């Protein structure tokens, strides 16, 4: 099970605190049952906020598909690379910022 991120903890905590304060201000009674209902509802709001942050973040982090040439089985017609050959320099790709 993955650990929650700092962003999930912050959004969840803010949702719990704000929902609790709002419901305490709007509820007229001071019974134990009302306090338990408010605490449970606020906890559910915090969990929903943390899950919403996780699904929104997971949607942005997509792993690009591997090129077909890298995943295909090597053909027997292609000559093998010499063991002493120097590998080509890495290709620099421009960074995409969203």
PDB file of N, CA and C in Angstrom:
ATOM      1  N   UNK A   1       0.845  -1.167   0.000  1.00  0.00           N
ATOM      2  CA  UNK A   1       0.000   0.000   0.000  1.00  0.00           C
ATOM      3  C   UNK A   1       0.898   1.241   0.000  1.00  0.00           C
ATOM      4  N   UNK A   2       0.692   2.156  -0.962  1.00  0.00           N
ATOM      5  CA  UNK A   2       1.551   3.342  -1.025  1.00  0.00           C
ATOM      6  C   UNK A   2       1.237   4.317   0.111  1.00  0.00           C
ATOM      7  N   UNK A   3       2.247   5.033   0.512  1.00  0.00           N
ATOM      8  CA  UNK A   3       2.089   6.027   1.571  1.00  0.00           C
ATOM      9  C   UNK A   3       1.431   7.274   0.986  1.00  0.00           C
ATOM     10  N   UNK A   4       0.645   8.005   1.788  1.00  0.00           N
ATOM     11  CA  UNK A   4       0.027   9.230   1.275  1.00  0.00           C
ATOM     12  C   UNK A   4       1.083  10.306   1.059  1.00  0.00           C
ATOM     13  N   UNK A   5       0.860  11.106   0.049  1.00  0.00           N
ATOM     14  CA  UNK A   5       1.778  12.204  -0.243  1.00  0.00           C
ATOM     15  C   UNK A   5       1.483  13.379   0.683  1.00  0.00           C
ATOM     16  N   UNK A   6       2.381  14.330   0.705  1.00  0.00           N
ATOM     17  CA  UNK A   6       2.203  15.524   1.526  1.00  0.00           C
ATOM     18  C   UNK A   6       0.979  16.312   1.068  1.00  0.00           C
ATOM     19  N   UNK A   7       0.751  16.327  -0.228  1.00  0.00           N
ATOM     20  CA  UNK A   7      -0.399  17.037  -0.775  1.00  0.00           C
ATOM     21  C   UNK A   7      -1.711  16.379  -0.325  1.00  0.00           C
ATOM     22  N   UNK A   8      -1.747  15.051  -0.319  1.00  0.00           N
ATOM     23  CA  UNK A   8      -2.943  14.349   0.140  1.00  0.00           C
ATOM     24  C   UNK A   8      -3.213  14.621   1.616  1.00  0.00           C
ATOM     25  N   UNK A   9      -2.168  14.620   2.425  1.00  0.00           N
ATOM     26  CA  UNK A   9      -2.329  14.884   3.852  1.00  0.00           C
ATOM     27  C   UNK A   9      -2.831  16.312   4.075  1.00  0.00           C
ATOM     28  N   UNK A  10      -2.281  17.269   3.340  1.00  0.00           N
ATOM     29  CA  UNK A  10      -2.679  18.666   3.508  1.00  0.00           C
ATOM     30  C   UNK A  10      -4.134  18.878   3.097  1.00  0.00           C
ATOM     31  N   UNK A  11      -4.522  18.369   1.921  1.00  0.00           N
ATOM     32  CA  UNK A  11      -5.902  18.541   1.471  1.00  0.00           C
ATOM     33  C   UNK A  11      -6.886  17.797   2.381  1.00  0.00           C
ATOM     34  N   UNK A  12      -6.535  16.597   2.801  1.00  0.00           N
ATOM     35  CA  UNK A  12      -7.405  15.842   3.688  1.00  0.00           C
ATOM     36  C   UNK A  12      -7.588  16.524   5.026  1.00  0.00           C
ATOM     37  N   UNK A  13      -6.505  17.031   5.592  1.00  0.00           N
ATOM     38  CA  UNK A  13      -6.585  17.722   6.889  1.00  0.00           C
ATOM     39  C   UNK A  13      -7.396  19.015   6.777  1.00  0.00           C
ATOM     40  N   UNK A  14      -7.176  19.751   5.709  1.00  0.00           N
ATOM     41  CA  UNK A  14      -7.940  20.988   5.521  1.00  0.00           C
ATOM     42  C   UNK A  14      -9.422  20.696   5.349  1.00  0.00           C
ATOM     43  N   UNK A  15      -9.741  19.622   4.646  1.00  0.00           N
ATOM     44  CA  UNK A  15     -11.148  19.263   4.464  1.00  0.00           C
ATOM     45  C   UNK A  15     -11.787  18.852   5.781  1.00  0.00           C
ATOM     46  N   UNK A  16     -11.074  18.079   6.601  1.00  0.00           N
ATOM     47  CA  UNK A  16     -11.618  17.646   7.894  1.00  0.00           C
ATOM     48  C   UNK A  16     -11.840  18.838   8.814  1.00  0.00           C
ATOM     49  N   UNK A  17     -10.878  19.727   8.905  1.00  0.00           N
ATOM     50  CA  UNK A  17     -10.988  20.875   9.810  1.00  0.00           C
ATOM     51  C   UNK A  17     -12.094  21.822   9.364  1.00  0.00           C
ATOM     52  N   UNK A  18     -12.114  22.141   8.065  1.00  0.00           N
ATOM     53  CA  UNK A  18     -13.136  23.084   7.593  1.00  0.00           C
ATOM     54  C   UNK A  18     -14.538  22.484   7.674  1.00  0.00           C
ATOM     55  N   UNK A  19     -14.690  21.200   7.337  1.00  0.00           N
ATOM     56  CA  UNK A  19     -16.012  20.568   7.427  1.00  0.00           C
ATOM     57  C   UNK A  19     -16.476  20.493   8.881  1.00  0.00           C
ATOM     58  N   UNK A  20     -15.576  20.186   9.805  1.00  0.00           N
ATOM     59  CA  UNK A  20     -15.946  20.110  11.212  1.00  0.00           C
ATOM     60  C   UNK A  20     -16.387  21.473  11.740  1.00  0.00           C
ATOM     61  N   UNK A  21     -15.616  22.496  11.453  1.00  0.00           N
ATOM     62  CA  UNK A  21     -15.985  23.835  11.930  1.00  0.00           C
ATOM     63  C   UNK A  21     -17.305  24.302  11.326  1.00  0.00           C
ATOM     64  N   UNK A  22     -17.504  24.064  10.053  1.00  0.00           N
ATOM     65  CA  UNK A  22     -18.730  24.485   9.395  1.00  0.00           C
ATOM     66  C   UNK A  22     -19.943  23.764   9.985  1.00  0.00           C
ATOM     67  N   UNK A  23     -19.822  22.463  10.184  1.00  0.00           N
ATOM     68  CA  UNK A  23     -20.960  21.719  10.731  1.00  0.00           C
ATOM     69  C   UNK A  23     -21.214  22.063  12.195  1.00  0.00           C
ATOM     70  N   UNK A  24     -20.179  22.335  12.958  1.00  0.00           N
ATOM     71  CA  UNK A  24     -20.384  22.734  14.352  1.00  0.00           C
ATOM     72  C   UNK A  24     -21.063  24.096  14.448  1.00  0.00           C
ATOM     73  N   UNK A  25     -20.735  24.986  13.528  1.00  0.00           N
ATOM     74  CA  UNK A  25     -21.380  26.302  13.537  1.00  0.00           C
ATOM     75  C   UNK A  25     -22.830  26.222  13.087  1.00  0.00           C
ATOM     76  N   UNK A  26     -23.132  25.299  12.167  1.00  0.00           N
ATOM     77  CA  UNK A  26     -24.488  25.206  11.629  1.00  0.00           C
ATOM     78  C   UNK A  26     -25.409  24.307  12.438  1.00  0.00           C
ATOM     79  N   UNK A  27     -24.873  23.431  13.269  1.00  0.00           N
ATOM     80  CA  UNK A  27     -25.730  22.512  14.035  1.00  0.00           C
ATOM     81  C   UNK A  27     -26.204  23.184  15.313  1.00  0.00           C
ATOM     82  N   UNK A  28     -27.507  23.092  15.598  1.00  0.00           N
ATOM     83  CA  UNK A  28     -28.024  23.764  16.798  1.00  0.00           C
ATOM     84  C   UNK A  28     -27.805  22.967  18.082  1.00  0.00           C
ATOM     85  N   UNK A  29     -27.752  21.643  17.986  1.00  0.00           N
ATOM     86  CA  UNK A  29     -27.678  20.822  19.204  1.00  0.00           C
ATOM     87  C   UNK A  29     -26.261  20.564  19.642  1.00  0.00           C
ATOM     88  N   UNK A  30     -26.137  20.141  20.894  1.00  0.00           N
ATOM     89  CA  UNK A  30     -24.832  19.822  21.440  1.00  0.00           C
ATOM     90  C   UNK A  30     -24.782  18.411  21.982  1.00  0.00           C
ATOM     91  N   UNK A  31     -25.570  17.499  21.408  1.00  0.00           N
ATOM     92  CA  UNK A  31     -25.614  16.134  21.922  1.00  0.00           C
ATOM     93  C   UNK A  31     -24.397  15.340  21.463  1.00  0.00           C
ATOM     94  N   UNK A  32     -24.166  14.226  22.121  1.00  0.00           N
ATOM     95  CA  UNK A  32     -23.034  13.361  21.777  1.00  0.00           C
ATOM     96  C   UNK A  32     -23.246  12.738  20.402  1.00  0.00           C
ATOM     97  N   UNK A  33     -24.477  12.357  20.099  1.00  0.00           N
ATOM     98  CA  UNK A  33     -24.779  11.765  18.792  1.00  0.00           C
ATOM     99  C   UNK A  33     -24.497  12.754  17.666  1.00  0.00           C
ATOM    100  N   UNK A  34     -24.850  14.019  17.852  1.00  0.00           N
ATOM    101  CA  UNK A  34     -24.583  15.031  16.833  1.00  0.00           C
ATOM    102  C   UNK A  34     -23.074  15.218  16.647  1.00  0.00           C
ATOM    103  N   UNK A  35     -22.326  15.217  17.733  1.00  0.00           N
ATOM    104  CA  UNK A  35     -20.870  15.372  17.641  1.00  0.00           C
ATOM    105  C   UNK A  35     -20.233  14.191  16.925  1.00  0.00           C
ATOM    106  N   UNK A  36     -20.714  12.966  17.211  1.00  0.00           N
ATOM    107  CA  UNK A  36     -20.191  11.786  16.512  1.00  0.00           C
ATOM    108  C   UNK A  36     -20.529  11.819  15.028  1.00  0.00           C
ATOM    109  N   UNK A  37     -21.728  12.240  14.704  1.00  0.00           N
ATOM    110  CA  UNK A  37     -22.127  12.342  13.294  1.00  0.00           C
ATOM    111  C   UNK A  37     -21.287  13.388  12.570  1.00  0.00           C
ATOM    112  N   UNK A  38     -21.030  14.499  13.209  1.00  0.00           N
ATOM    113  CA  UNK A  38     -20.200  15.560  12.615  1.00  0.00           C
ATOM    114  C   UNK A  38     -18.773  15.056  12.403  1.00  0.00           C
ATOM    115  N   UNK A  39     -18.220  14.363  13.400  1.00  0.00           N
ATOM    116  CA  UNK A  39     -16.851  13.853  13.272  1.00  0.00           C
ATOM    117  C   UNK A  39     -16.751  12.819  12.152  1.00  0.00           C
ATOM    118  N   UNK A  40     -17.733  11.923  12.069  1.00  0.00           N
ATOM    119  CA  UNK A  40     -17.721  10.905  11.018  1.00  0.00           C
ATOM    120  C   UNK A  40     -17.859  11.534   9.633  1.00  0.00           C
ATOM    121  N   UNK A  41     -18.755  12.489   9.502  1.00  0.00           N
ATOM    122  CA  UNK A  41     -18.946  13.160   8.213  1.00  0.00           C
ATOM    123  C   UNK A  41     -17.689  13.934   7.808  1.00  0.00           C
ATOM    124  N   UNK A  42     -17.050  14.607   8.743  1.00  0.00           N
ATOM    125  CA  UNK A  42     -15.828  15.346   8.437  1.00  0.00           C
ATOM    126  C   UNK A  42     -14.708  14.396   8.024  1.00  0.00           C
ATOM    127  N   UNK A  43     -14.619  13.249   8.689  1.00  0.00           N
ATOM    128  CA  UNK A  43     -13.605  12.265   8.318  1.00  0.00           C
ATOM    129  C   UNK A  43     -13.844  11.743   6.905  1.00  0.00           C
ATOM    130  N   UNK A  44     -15.087  11.500   6.561  1.00  0.00           N
ATOM    131  CA  UNK A  44     -15.407  11.057   5.194  1.00  0.00           C
ATOM    132  C   UNK A  44     -15.055  12.135   4.168  1.00  0.00           C
ATOM    133  N   UNK A  45     -15.287  13.399   4.509  1.00  0.00           N
ATOM    134  CA  UNK A  45     -14.909  14.500   3.606  1.00  0.00           C
ATOM    135  C   UNK A  45     -13.390  14.552   3.407  1.00  0.00           C
ATOM    136  N   UNK A  46     -12.647  14.350   4.471  1.00  0.00           N
ATOM    137  CA  UNK A  46     -11.186  14.350   4.366  1.00  0.00           C
ATOM    138  C   UNK A  46     -10.673  13.206   3.519  1.00  0.00           C
ATOM    139  N   UNK A  47     -11.256  12.018   3.682  1.00  0.00           N
ATOM    140  CA  UNK A  47     -10.840  10.872   2.863  1.00  0.00           C
ATOM    141  C   UNK A  47     -11.183  11.121   1.402  1.00  0.00           C
ATOM    142  N   UNK A  48     -12.362  11.668   1.139  1.00  0.00           N
ATOM    143  CA  UNK A  48     -12.754  11.964  -0.243  1.00  0.00           C
ATOM    144  C   UNK A  48     -11.814  12.986  -0.875  1.00  0.00           C
ATOM    145  N   UNK A  49     -11.406  13.989  -0.116  1.00  0.00           N
ATOM    146  CA  UNK A  49     -10.481  14.998  -0.651  1.00  0.00           C
ATOM    147  C   UNK A  49      -9.124  14.380  -0.958  1.00  0.00           C
ATOM    148  N   UNK A  50      -8.622  13.512  -0.087  1.00  0.00           N
ATOM    149  CA  UNK A  50      -7.320  12.878  -0.322  1.00  0.00           C
ATOM    150  C   UNK A  50      -7.371  11.944  -1.524  1.00  0.00           C
ATOM    151  N   UNK A  51      -8.467  11.219  -1.692  1.00  0.00           N
ATOM    152  CA  UNK A  51      -8.600  10.326  -2.841  1.00  0.00           C
ATOM    153  C   UNK A  51      -8.734  11.129  -4.128  1.00  0.00           C
ATOM    154  N   UNK A  52      -9.443  12.256  -4.074  1.00  0.00           N
ATOM    155  CA  UNK A  52      -9.590  13.100  -5.263  1.00  0.00           C
ATOM    156  C   UNK A  52      -8.238  13.658  -5.706  1.00  0.00           C
ATOM    157  N   UNK A  53      -7.400  14.037  -4.761  1.00  0.00           N
ATOM    158  CA  UNK A  53      -6.059  14.532  -5.102  1.00  0.00           C
ATOM    159  C   UNK A  53      -5.246  13.413  -5.744  1.00  0.00           C
ATOM    160  N   UNK A  54      -5.373  12.194  -5.205  1.00  0.00           N
ATOM    161  CA  UNK A  54      -4.613  11.059  -5.739  1.00  0.00           C
ATOM    162  C   UNK A  54      -5.050  10.727  -7.170  1.00  0.00           C
ATOM    163  N   UNK A  55      -6.344  10.696  -7.450  1.00  0.00           N
ATOM    164  CA  UNK A  55      -6.803  10.350  -8.799  1.00  0.00           C
ATOM    165  C   UNK A  55      -6.470  11.440  -9.795  1.00  0.00           C
ATOM    166  N   UNK A  56      -6.519  12.707  -9.370  1.00  0.00           N
ATOM    167  CA  UNK A  56      -6.163  13.793 -10.283  1.00  0.00           C
ATOM    168  C   UNK A  56      -4.668  13.747 -10.610  1.00  0.00           C
ATOM    169  N   UNK A  57      -3.844  13.438  -9.618  1.00  0.00           N
ATOM    170  CA  UNK A  57      -2.400  13.367  -9.820  1.00  0.00           C
ATOM    171  C   UNK A  57      -2.021  12.147 -10.649  1.00  0.00           C
ATOM    172  N   UNK A  58      -2.692  11.014 -10.418  1.00  0.00           N
ATOM    173  CA  UNK A  58      -2.394   9.789 -11.155  1.00  0.00           C
ATOM    174  C   UNK A  58      -2.750   9.938 -12.625  1.00  0.00           C
ATOM    175  N   UNK A  59      -3.745  10.758 -12.937  1.00  0.00           N
ATOM    176  CA  UNK A  59      -4.130  10.965 -14.333  1.00  0.00           C
ATOM    177  C   UNK A  59      -3.075  11.726 -15.125  1.00  0.00           C
ATOM    178  N   UNK A  60      -2.298  12.551 -14.443  1.00  0.00           N
ATOM    179  CA  UNK A  60      -1.256  13.323 -15.143  1.00  0.00           C
ATOM    180  C   UNK A  60       0.023  12.539 -15.350  1.00  0.00           C
ATOM    181  N   UNK A  61       0.291  11.563 -14.516  1.00  0.00           N
ATOM    182  CA  UNK A  61       1.548  10.819 -14.588  1.00  0.00           C
ATOM    183  C   UNK A  61       1.372   9.560 -15.422  1.00  0.00           C
ATOM    184  N   UNK A  62       1.433   9.715 -16.716  1.00  0.00           N
ATOM    185  CA  UNK A  62       1.304   8.564 -17.595  1.00  0.00           C
ATOM    186  C   UNK A  62       2.674   8.209 -18.142  1.00  0.00           C
ATOM    187  N   UNK A  63       2.937   6.947 -18.161  1.00  0.00           N
ATOM    188  CA  UNK A  63       4.216   6.467 -18.666  1.00  0.00           C
ATOM    189  C   UNK A  63       4.076   6.283 -20.167  1.00  0.00           C
ATOM    190  N   UNK A  64       4.977   6.870 -20.968  1.00  0.00           N
ATOM    191  CA  UNK A  64       4.870   6.707 -22.415  1.00  0.00           C
ATOM    192  C   UNK A  64       5.116   5.259 -22.818  1.00  0.00           C
ATOM    193  N   UNK A  65       4.470   4.870 -23.880  1.00  0.00           N
ATOM    194  CA  UNK A  65       4.626   3.500 -24.366  1.00  0.00           C
ATOM    195  C   UNK A  65       6.030   3.300 -24.917  1.00  0.00           C
ATOM    196  N   UNK A  66       6.535   2.089 -24.764  1.00  0.00           N
ATOM    197  CA  UNK A  66       7.874   1.773 -25.266  1.00  0.00           C
ATOM    198  C   UNK A  66       7.834   1.704 -26.787  1.00  0.00           C
ATOM    199  N   UNK A  67       8.890   2.121 -27.467  1.00  0.00           N
ATOM    200  CA  UNK A  67       8.915   2.032 -28.926  1.00  0.00           C
ATOM    201  C   UNK A  67       8.826   0.576 -29.371  1.00  0.00           C
ATOM    202  N   UNK A  68       8.230   0.363 -30.529  1.00  0.00           N
ATOM    203  CA  UNK A  68       8.028  -1.000 -31.030  1.00  0.00           C
ATOM    204  C   UNK A  68       9.364  -1.689 -31.297  1.00  0.00           C
ATOM    205  N   UNK A  69      10.368  -0.934 -31.725  1.00  0.00           N
ATOM    206  CA  UNK A  69      11.664  -1.550 -32.039  1.00  0.00           C
ATOM    207  C   UNK A  69      12.346  -2.087 -30.779  1.00  0.00           C
ATOM    208  N   UNK A  70      12.137  -1.421 -29.662  1.00  0.00           N
ATOM    209  CA  UNK A  70      12.788  -1.854 -28.427  1.00  0.00           C
ATOM    210  C   UNK A  70      12.116  -3.081 -27.828  1.00  0.00           C
ATOM    211  N   UNK A  71      10.822  -3.256 -28.091  1.00  0.00           N
ATOM    212  CA  UNK A  71      10.120  -4.383 -27.510  1.00  0.00           C
ATOM    213  C   UNK A  71      10.068  -5.586 -28.430  1.00  0.00           C
ATOM    214  N   UNK A  72      10.379  -5.399 -29.694  1.00  0.00           N
ATOM    215  CA  UNK A  72      10.305  -6.513 -30.637  1.00  0.00           C
ATOM    216  C   UNK A  72      11.488  -7.455 -30.414  1.00  0.00           C
ATOM    217  N   UNK A  73      11.283  -8.696 -30.774  1.00  0.00           N
ATOM    218  CA  UNK A  73      12.353  -9.687 -30.647  1.00  0.00           C
ATOM    219  C   UNK A  73      13.432  -9.390 -31.682  1.00  0.00           C
ATOM    220  N   UNK A  74      14.691  -9.558 -31.319  1.00  0.00           N
ATOM    221  CA  UNK A  74      15.760  -9.266 -32.283  1.00  0.00           C
ATOM    222  C   UNK A  74      15.712 -10.269 -33.442  1.00  0.00           C
ATOM    223  N   UNK A  75      15.925  -9.743 -34.640  1.00  0.00           N
ATOM    224  CA  UNK A  75      15.898 -10.630 -35.805  1.00  0.00           C
ATOM    225  C   UNK A  75      17.275 -11.267 -35.990  1.00  0.00           C
ATOM    226  N   UNK A  76      17.295 -12.404 -36.629  1.00  0.00           N
ATOM    227  CA  UNK A  76      18.558 -13.110 -36.840  1.00  0.00           C
ATOM    228  C   UNK A  76      19.327 -12.526 -38.014  1.00  0.00           C
ATOM    229  N   UNK A  77      18.662 -11.728 -38.849  1.00  0.00           N
ATOM    230  CA  UNK A  77      19.336 -11.162 -40.018  1.00  0.00           C
ATOM    231  C   UNK A  77      20.234  -9.980 -39.630  1.00  0.00           C
ATOM    232  N   UNK A  78      19.944  -9.297 -38.556  1.00  0.00           N
ATOM    233  CA  UNK A  78      20.740  -8.134 -38.159  1.00  0.00           C
ATOM    234  C   UNK A  78      22.028  -8.610 -37.491  1.00  0.00           C
ATOM    235  N   UNK A  79      23.171  -7.996 -37.857  1.00  0.00           N
ATOM    236  CA  UNK A  79      24.430  -8.394 -37.221  1.00  0.00           C
ATOM    237  C   UNK A  79      24.490  -7.900 -35.778  1.00  0.00           C
ATOM    238  N   UNK A  80      25.133  -8.660 -34.938  1.00  0.00           N
ATOM    239  CA  UNK A  80      25.289  -8.285 -33.538  1.00  0.00           C
ATOM    240  C   UNK A  80      26.326  -7.179 -33.414  1.00  0.00           C
ATOM    241  N   UNK A  81      26.157  -6.303 -32.447  1.00  0.00           N
ATOM    242  CA  UNK A  81      27.103  -5.211 -32.235  1.00  0.00           C
ATOM    243  C   UNK A  81      28.398  -5.773 -31.664  1.00  0.00           C
ATOM    244  N   UNK A  82      29.480  -5.157 -32.040  1.00  0.00           N
ATOM    245  CA  UNK A  82      30.776  -5.597 -31.549  1.00  0.00           C
ATOM    246  C   UNK A  82      30.878  -5.266 -30.062  1.00  0.00           C
ATOM    247  N   UNK A  83      31.522  -6.123 -29.261  1.00  0.00           N
ATOM    248  CA  UNK A  83      31.595  -5.867 -27.820  1.00  0.00           C
ATOM    249  C   UNK A  83      32.426  -4.641 -27.480  1.00  0.00           C
ATOM    250  N   UNK A  84      33.316  -4.210 -28.354  1.00  0.00           N
ATOM    251  CA  UNK A  84      34.164  -3.072 -28.056  1.00  0.00           C
ATOM    252  C   UNK A  84      33.628  -1.768 -28.648  1.00  0.00           C
ATOM    253  N   UNK A  85      32.431  -1.805 -29.245  1.00  0.00           N
ATOM    254  CA  UNK A  85      31.858  -0.604 -29.862  1.00  0.00           C
ATOM    255  C   UNK A  85      31.429   0.384 -28.783  1.00  0.00           C
ATOM    256  N   UNK A  86      31.578   1.667 -29.065  1.00  0.00           N
ATOM    257  CA  UNK A  86      31.193   2.726 -28.150  1.00  0.00           C
ATOM    258  C   UNK A  86      29.714   3.039 -28.385  1.00  0.00           C
ATOM    259  N   UNK A  87      28.900   3.085 -27.336  1.00  0.00           N
ATOM    260  CA  UNK A  87      27.477   3.385 -27.537  1.00  0.00           C
ATOM    261  C   UNK A  87      27.295   4.827 -27.974  1.00  0.00           C
ATOM    262  N   UNK A  88      26.247   5.099 -28.730  1.00  0.00           N
ATOM    263  CA  UNK A  88      26.006   6.479 -29.178  1.00  0.00           C
ATOM    264  C   UNK A  88      25.637   7.354 -27.991  1.00  0.00           C
ATOM    265  N   UNK A  89      25.850   8.661 -28.118  1.00  0.00           N
ATOM    266  CA  UNK A  89      25.510   9.568 -27.013  1.00  0.00           C
ATOM    267  C   UNK A  89      23.990   9.588 -26.827  1.00  0.00           C
ATOM    268  N   UNK A  90      23.533   9.864 -25.607  1.00  0.00           N
ATOM    269  CA  UNK A  90      22.093   9.895 -25.363  1.00  0.00           C
ATOM    270  C   UNK A  90      21.428  11.055 -26.094  1.00  0.00           C
ATOM    271  N   UNK A  91      20.193  10.830 -26.509  1.00  0.00           N
ATOM    272  CA  UNK A  91      19.431  11.842 -27.220  1.00  0.00           C
ATOM    273  C   UNK A  91      18.789  12.758 -26.184  1.00  0.00           C
ATOM    274  N   UNK A  92      18.950  14.055 -26.346  1.00  0.00           N
ATOM    275  CA  UNK A  92      18.347  15.016 -25.429  1.00  0.00           C
ATOM    276  C   UNK A  92      16.984  15.403 -25.970  1.00  0.00           C
ATOM    277  N   UNK A  93      15.986  15.209 -25.146  1.00  0.00           N
ATOM    278  CA  UNK A  93      14.616  15.560 -25.548  1.00  0.00           C
ATOM    279  C   UNK A  93      14.211  16.828 -24.804  1.00  0.00           C
ATOM    280  N   UNK A  94      13.479  17.702 -25.462  1.00  0.00           N
ATOM    281  CA  UNK A  94      13.044  18.920 -24.769  1.00  0.00           C
ATOM    282  C   UNK A  94      12.034  18.560 -23.679  1.00  0.00           C
ATOM    283  N   UNK A  95      12.120  19.263 -22.558  1.00  0.00           N
ATOM    284  CA  UNK A  95      11.215  18.997 -21.450  1.00  0.00           C
ATOM    285  C   UNK A  95       9.877  19.680 -21.726  1.00  0.00           C
ATOM    286  N   UNK A  96       8.826  18.956 -21.433  1.00  0.00           N
ATOM    287  CA  UNK A  96       7.479  19.483 -21.600  1.00  0.00           C
ATOM    288  C   UNK A  96       6.937  19.788 -20.223  1.00  0.00           C
ATOM    289  N   UNK A  97       6.536  21.019 -20.010  1.00  0.00           N
ATOM    290  CA  UNK A  97       5.986  21.423 -18.712  1.00  0.00           C
ATOM    291  C   UNK A  97       4.521  21.756 -18.892  1.00  0.00           C
ATOM    292  N   UNK A  98       3.752  21.229 -17.973  1.00  0.00           N
ATOM    293  CA  UNK A  98       2.304  21.418 -18.061  1.00  0.00           C
ATOM    294  C   UNK A  98       1.851  22.429 -17.053  1.00  0.00           C
TER     295      UNK A  98
END
